Amino acid sequence: MASPLNRRLALAEFVTRLRQKMSDNIVDVRLFGSEARAEAAPESDIDVLVVVQPDRDRVQFEDRVIDIAFDVNLDFSVYISPRVVTPEILNHPVWRETPFLKNVAGESIPL
């Protein structure tokens, strides 16, 4: 179980590594879920939305984001749970109406 300070340090390190390794492809990074609502327990996962471009490479980028999260998780004994989307998904009228994206839009914090 990670302390609140350790969770914040892990999140900062995750964002730093993302921006270092994928700077040309990262559009936005946002915290959501219990951590964003300040309701996280020490064992809670840390939900992060990662917006990448271009759309055609989303699956490849998702693998890279997950690898970065995995390494940070091991280094800090936390569980960062990334969700990788593209601007096309965020702006698509059908996807925007999903409970997931509505929730993210309502509570997310830019990182």
C-alpha atoms as a PDB file:
ATOM      1  CA  MET A   1       0.000   0.000   0.000  1.00  0.00           C
ATOM      2  CA  ALA A   2       1.381   3.339  -1.077  1.00  0.00           C
ATOM      3  CA  SER A   3       1.276   6.532   0.951  1.00  0.00           C
ATOM      4  CA  PRO A   4      -0.380   9.602  -0.570  1.00  0.00           C
ATOM      5  CA  LEU A   5       3.057  11.162  -1.104  1.00  0.00           C
ATOM      6  CA  ASN A   6       4.352   8.049  -2.848  1.00  0.00           C
ATOM      7  CA  ARG A   7       1.250   7.995  -5.071  1.00  0.00           C
ATOM      8  CA  ARG A   8       1.830  11.640  -6.071  1.00  0.00           C
ATOM      9  CA  LEU A   9       5.511  10.978  -6.774  1.00  0.00           C
ATOM     10  CA  ALA A  10       4.622   7.934  -8.877  1.00  0.00           C
ATOM     11  CA  LEU A  11       2.079   9.919 -10.859  1.00  0.00           C
ATOM     12  CA  ALA A  12       4.582  12.719 -11.479  1.00  0.00           C
ATOM     13  CA  GLU A  13       7.198  10.194 -12.600  1.00  0.00           C
ATOM     14  CA  PHE A  14       4.705   8.503 -14.941  1.00  0.00           C
ATOM     15  CA  VAL A  15       3.871  11.813 -16.622  1.00  0.00           C
ATOM     16  CA  THR A  16       7.557  12.743 -16.860  1.00  0.00           C
ATOM     17  CA  ARG A  17       8.451   9.444 -18.514  1.00  0.00           C
ATOM     18  CA  LEU A  18       5.507   9.716 -20.911  1.00  0.00           C
ATOM     19  CA  ARG A  19       6.554  13.184 -21.995  1.00  0.00           C
ATOM     20  CA  GLN A  20      10.213  12.150 -22.327  1.00  0.00           C
ATOM     21  CA  LYS A  21       9.584   8.988 -24.321  1.00  0.00           C
ATOM     22  CA  MET A  22       6.505   9.999 -26.326  1.00  0.00           C
ATOM     23  CA  SER A  23       6.617  13.797 -26.496  1.00  0.00           C
ATOM     24  CA  ASP A  24       5.610  13.988 -30.164  1.00  0.00           C
ATOM     25  CA  ASN A  25       2.544  11.833 -29.598  1.00  0.00           C
ATOM     26  CA  ILE A  26       1.111  12.943 -26.242  1.00  0.00           C
ATOM     27  CA  VAL A  27      -1.808  15.344 -26.627  1.00  0.00           C
ATOM     28  CA  ASP A  28      -3.088  15.350 -23.044  1.00  0.00           C
ATOM     29  CA  VAL A  29      -2.740  13.461 -19.753  1.00  0.00           C
ATOM     30  CA  ARG A  30      -5.536  13.597 -17.159  1.00  0.00           C
ATOM     31  CA  LEU A  31      -6.124  12.101 -13.752  1.00  0.00           C
ATOM     32  CA  PHE A  32      -9.622  10.760 -13.089  1.00  0.00           C
ATOM     33  CA  GLY A  33     -11.394   8.376 -10.738  1.00  0.00           C
ATOM     34  CA  SER A  34     -11.026   8.164  -6.980  1.00  0.00           C
ATOM     35  CA  GLU A  35      -7.613   9.860  -6.978  1.00  0.00           C
ATOM     36  CA  ALA A  36      -9.023  12.891  -8.827  1.00  0.00           C
ATOM     37  CA  ARG A  37     -11.963  13.034  -6.420  1.00  0.00           C
ATOM     38  CA  ALA A  38      -9.606  12.789  -3.400  1.00  0.00           C
ATOM     39  CA  GLU A  39     -11.372   9.575  -2.360  1.00  0.00           C
ATOM     40  CA  ALA A  40      -8.557   7.107  -3.058  1.00  0.00           C
ATOM     41  CA  ALA A  41      -7.599   4.492  -0.511  1.00  0.00           C
ATOM     42  CA  PRO A  42      -3.940   3.436  -0.244  1.00  0.00           C
ATOM     43  CA  GLU A  43      -4.692   0.323  -2.307  1.00  0.00           C
ATOM     44  CA  SER A  44      -6.741   2.133  -4.993  1.00  0.00           C
ATOM     45  CA  ASP A  45      -5.525   2.204  -8.551  1.00  0.00           C
ATOM     46  CA  ILE A  46      -4.541   5.532 -10.095  1.00  0.00           C
ATOM     47  CA  ASP A  47      -6.681   6.124 -13.187  1.00  0.00           C
ATOM     48  CA  VAL A  48      -5.029   8.172 -15.922  1.00  0.00           C
ATOM     49  CA  LEU A  49      -6.402   9.119 -19.333  1.00  0.00           C
ATOM     50  CA  VAL A  50      -3.644   9.459 -21.935  1.00  0.00           C
ATOM     51  CA  VAL A  51      -4.607  11.118 -25.231  1.00  0.00           C
ATOM     52  CA  VAL A  52      -2.273  10.210 -28.106  1.00  0.00           C
ATOM     53  CA  GLN A  53      -2.048  10.949 -31.806  1.00  0.00           C
ATOM     54  CA  PRO A  54      -2.174   9.941 -34.595  1.00  0.00           C
ATOM     55  CA  ASP A  55      -5.189   7.662 -34.404  1.00  0.00           C
ATOM     56  CA  ARG A  56      -3.731   5.026 -36.734  1.00  0.00           C
ATOM     57  CA  ASP A  57      -0.966   4.273 -34.192  1.00  0.00           C
ATOM     58  CA  ARG A  58      -3.145   4.145 -31.062  1.00  0.00           C
ATOM     59  CA  VAL A  59      -2.591   0.439 -30.372  1.00  0.00           C
ATOM     60  CA  GLN A  60       1.182   0.794 -30.649  1.00  0.00           C
ATOM     61  CA  PHE A  61       1.106   3.844 -28.362  1.00  0.00           C
ATOM     62  CA  GLU A  62      -1.130   2.020 -25.908  1.00  0.00           C
ATOM     63  CA  ASP A  63       1.512  -0.704 -25.565  1.00  0.00           C
ATOM     64  CA  ARG A  64       4.200   1.918 -24.894  1.00  0.00           C
ATOM     65  CA  VAL A  65       2.046   3.722 -22.311  1.00  0.00           C
ATOM     66  CA  ILE A  66       1.307   0.438 -20.529  1.00  0.00           C
ATOM     67  CA  ASP A  67       5.021  -0.434 -20.489  1.00  0.00           C
ATOM     68  CA  ILE A  68       5.838   2.940 -18.916  1.00  0.00           C
ATOM     69  CA  ALA A  69       3.064   2.498 -16.334  1.00  0.00           C
ATOM     70  CA  PHE A  70       4.310  -1.014 -15.539  1.00  0.00           C
ATOM     71  CA  ASP A  71       7.827   0.243 -14.825  1.00  0.00           C
ATOM     72  CA  VAL A  72       6.563   3.077 -12.612  1.00  0.00           C
ATOM     73  CA  ASN A  73       4.228   0.677 -10.811  1.00  0.00           C
ATOM     74  CA  LEU A  74       7.194  -1.549  -9.957  1.00  0.00           C
ATOM     75  CA  ASP A  75       9.403   1.371  -8.934  1.00  0.00           C
ATOM     76  CA  PHE A  76       6.804   2.934  -6.616  1.00  0.00           C
ATOM     77  CA  SER A  77       4.631  -0.046  -5.558  1.00  0.00           C
ATOM     78  CA  VAL A  78       1.473   1.563  -6.941  1.00  0.00           C
ATOM     79  CA  TYR A  79      -1.006   0.631  -9.666  1.00  0.00           C
ATOM     80  CA  ILE A  80      -1.304   3.285 -12.365  1.00  0.00           C
ATOM     81  CA  SER A  81      -4.112   2.222 -14.681  1.00  0.00           C
ATOM     82  CA  PRO A  82      -3.818   4.106 -17.981  1.00  0.00           C
ATOM     83  CA  ARG A  83      -6.618   4.407 -20.532  1.00  0.00           C
ATOM     84  CA  VAL A  84      -5.322   5.408 -23.955  1.00  0.00           C
ATOM     85  CA  VAL A  85      -7.552   7.275 -26.414  1.00  0.00           C
ATOM     86  CA  THR A  86      -7.136   9.603 -29.376  1.00  0.00           C
ATOM     87  CA  PRO A  87      -8.661  13.014 -30.102  1.00  0.00           C
ATOM     88  CA  GLU A  88     -10.839  11.279 -32.694  1.00  0.00           C
ATOM     89  CA  ILE A  89     -12.367   9.108 -29.983  1.00  0.00           C
ATOM     90  CA  LEU A  90     -12.835  12.027 -27.586  1.00  0.00           C
ATOM     91  CA  ASN A  91     -14.524  14.127 -30.260  1.00  0.00           C
ATOM     92  CA  HIS A  92     -16.699  11.415 -31.787  1.00  0.00           C
ATOM     93  CA  PRO A  93     -20.364  12.167 -30.950  1.00  0.00           C
ATOM     94  CA  VAL A  94     -21.163   8.563 -30.001  1.00  0.00           C
ATOM     95  CA  TRP A  95     -18.093   8.071 -27.790  1.00  0.00           C
ATOM     96  CA  ARG A  96     -18.653  11.430 -26.053  1.00  0.00           C
ATOM     97  CA  GLU A  97     -21.991  10.127 -24.786  1.00  0.00           C
ATOM     98  CA  THR A  98     -20.546   7.036 -23.097  1.00  0.00           C
ATOM     99  CA  PRO A  99     -20.654   7.011 -19.293  1.00  0.00           C
ATOM    100  CA  PHE A 100     -16.876   6.590 -19.204  1.00  0.00           C
ATOM    101  CA  LEU A 101     -16.073   9.730 -21.214  1.00  0.00           C
ATOM    102  CA  LYS A 102     -18.801  11.734 -19.485  1.00  0.00           C
ATOM    103  CA  ASN A 103     -17.285  10.765 -16.149  1.00  0.00           C
ATOM    104  CA  VAL A 104     -13.771  11.672 -17.283  1.00  0.00           C
ATOM    105  CA  ALA A 105     -14.991  15.008 -18.665  1.00  0.00           C
ATOM    106  CA  GLY A 106     -16.698  15.848 -15.393  1.00  0.00           C
ATOM    107  CA  GLU A 107     -13.968  14.974 -12.922  1.00  0.00           C
ATOM    108  CA  SER A 108     -10.610  14.817 -14.678  1.00  0.00           C
ATOM    109  CA  ILE A 109      -7.628  16.928 -13.679  1.00  0.00           C
ATOM    110  CA  PRO A 110      -4.977  17.862 -16.267  1.00  0.00           C
ATOM    111  CA  LEU A 111      -1.487  16.645 -15.445  1.00  0.00           C
END
